[in-house]
Each structure stands twice: as C-alpha cells, then as structure tokens.
C-alpha cells in the first residue's frame, strides 16, 4: 500500500514561520508523530512547498519527494495532482494531510 502525504502548504492561519506540520506538540512535531505510521507503507510520496528544506532532516531516500513551487497560489488538490507520475497503478493508496495525527491502527485497517 502507498501513501501520499500532502505537506506543501504554509499554514498561514497559525501565524507560524514554519510549516504547520512541523509545529511541535510537546516534544515532537505533527509530522514526527506520524513517521512510524508512514514507514509502514511500501511507497511514500510527499508533496512539499513552503520551506521544504526544513523537512529534509525527517526524510530518507524511501520518500519520493515532489516540490510544489506554486504552493502560494495553489491548493492541496493541485499538490496531489503533481504526484500523479509517482503513484503506482493498481495499488491501494492513502492520501493524507501532513498536519494531522494518524491513528496507529490505520495501516492494519487498510
């Protein structure tokens, strides 16, 4: 099963200077809290945009990275469309936002 993680937005309503999914809750960011779940997927595709270099310390070579250079003028749907070439055909896919906390049971239900 594959996952597309949408993380290209700015999260301007938070008034933060970092992407919303990298804001820390207690000791870990939202993105960090999900890494264990992301690693359960055979294929990981992530769309990045705003301050994308901040994500590099969390991403290894198992992530296919897609950069949305137009993140200021586009939305998550358009970011998702940028991943089209990376998605494996005939394989289940989970599409999720990077700024939510996933339940550990999510992969076992897929």
Protein backbone atom coordinates (compact mmCIF):
# COMPACT_ATOMS: atom_id res chain seq x y z
CA UNK A 1 0.00 0.00 0.00
CA UNK A 2 1.20 3.50 -0.78
CA UNK A 3 0.71 6.85 0.93
CA UNK A 4 0.68 10.39 -0.40
CA UNK A 5 1.46 12.96 2.29
CA UNK A 6 0.38 16.50 1.44
CA UNK A 7 2.76 18.92 3.16
CA UNK A 8 3.23 21.82 0.77
CA UNK A 9 1.07 24.46 2.44
CA UNK A 10 2.11 27.39 4.55
CA UNK A 11 -0.45 27.15 7.34
CA UNK A 12 -0.76 30.94 7.40
CA UNK A 13 -3.62 30.94 9.94
CA UNK A 14 -1.18 29.63 12.56
CA UNK A 15 1.00 32.72 12.00
CA UNK A 16 3.99 30.41 12.37
CA UNK A 17 7.23 30.88 10.46
CA UNK A 18 7.46 27.14 9.83
CA UNK A 19 5.08 24.73 8.04
CA UNK A 20 2.09 23.80 10.19
CA UNK A 21 3.01 20.10 10.21
CA UNK A 22 6.40 20.95 11.79
CA UNK A 23 4.91 22.82 14.75
CA UNK A 24 5.77 20.91 17.91
CA UNK A 25 3.20 19.44 20.26
CA UNK A 26 5.05 18.63 23.43
CA UNK A 27 8.41 17.31 22.14
CA UNK A 28 7.54 16.26 18.57
CA UNK A 29 6.03 17.88 15.54
CA UNK A 30 2.87 16.55 13.93
CA UNK A 31 4.98 15.16 11.11
CA UNK A 32 7.38 13.41 13.51
CA UNK A 33 4.48 11.82 15.38
CA UNK A 34 3.40 10.13 12.13
CA UNK A 35 6.77 8.89 10.85
CA UNK A 36 6.30 5.44 12.41
CA UNK A 37 2.99 5.09 10.58
CA UNK A 38 4.39 6.45 7.31
CA UNK A 39 7.14 3.83 7.46
CA UNK A 40 4.55 1.03 7.39
CA UNK A 41 3.75 1.87 3.76
CA UNK A 42 5.61 0.24 0.89
CA UNK A 43 5.71 3.51 -1.04
CA UNK A 44 5.77 7.02 0.43
CA UNK A 45 5.23 10.13 -1.68
CA UNK A 46 5.35 13.57 -0.08
CA UNK A 47 4.48 16.92 -1.61
CA UNK A 48 6.46 19.81 -0.23
CA UNK A 49 6.41 23.53 -0.83
CA UNK A 50 6.72 26.18 1.86
CA UNK A 51 10.18 25.98 3.49
CA UNK A 52 10.54 22.44 2.14
CA UNK A 53 14.18 22.20 3.26
CA UNK A 54 13.02 22.05 6.89
CA UNK A 55 11.59 18.59 6.17
CA UNK A 56 14.88 17.15 4.91
CA UNK A 57 16.09 16.04 8.35
CA UNK A 58 13.00 13.81 8.66
CA UNK A 59 13.03 12.32 5.16
CA UNK A 60 15.21 9.48 3.95
CA UNK A 61 15.59 8.02 0.48
CA UNK A 62 12.41 5.95 0.89
CA UNK A 63 10.32 9.08 0.36
CA UNK A 64 9.57 10.23 -3.18
CA UNK A 65 9.60 13.99 -2.87
CA UNK A 66 7.53 16.25 -5.11
CA UNK A 67 8.00 20.01 -4.81
CA UNK A 68 5.06 22.30 -5.47
CA UNK A 69 6.83 25.50 -6.50
CA UNK A 70 3.47 27.25 -6.84
CA UNK A 71 2.30 26.46 -3.30
CA UNK A 72 1.36 30.10 -2.64
CA UNK A 73 -1.17 30.10 -5.48
CA UNK A 74 -2.41 26.51 -5.46
CA UNK A 75 -4.20 24.19 -3.07
CA UNK A 76 -3.76 20.64 -1.81
CA UNK A 77 -5.71 19.18 -4.72
CA UNK A 78 -3.21 20.65 -7.15
CA UNK A 79 -0.34 19.44 -4.96
CA UNK A 80 -1.82 15.96 -5.12
CA UNK A 81 -2.03 16.11 -8.93
CA UNK A 82 1.74 16.72 -9.00
CA UNK A 83 2.24 13.22 -7.57
CA UNK A 84 0.41 11.51 -10.43
CA UNK A 85 3.57 10.15 -12.09
CA UNK A 86 4.89 8.69 -8.85
CA UNK A 87 1.76 6.77 -7.85
CA UNK A 88 1.77 3.06 -8.62
CA UNK A 89 -1.20 1.94 -10.63
CA UNK A 90 -3.37 -0.90 -9.29
CA UNK A 91 -2.18 -0.44 -5.72
CA UNK A 92 -4.21 0.91 -2.83
CA UNK A 93 -3.40 4.44 -1.74
CA UNK A 94 -3.98 6.58 1.31
CA UNK A 95 -3.94 10.33 0.75
CA UNK A 96 -3.48 12.42 3.89
CA UNK A 97 -2.55 15.84 5.12
CA UNK A 98 0.75 16.15 6.98
CA UNK A 99 -0.78 18.33 9.69
CA UNK A 100 -3.00 15.67 11.27
CA UNK A 101 -2.10 12.92 13.70
CA UNK A 102 -2.79 9.47 12.31
CA UNK A 103 -4.01 6.55 14.40
CA UNK A 104 -1.54 3.65 14.69
CA UNK A 105 -4.31 1.28 13.59
CA UNK A 106 -4.65 2.96 10.22
CA UNK A 107 -2.38 0.59 8.27
CA UNK A 108 -3.89 -2.54 9.76
CA UNK A 109 -7.35 -1.49 8.57
CA UNK A 110 -6.25 -0.84 5.02
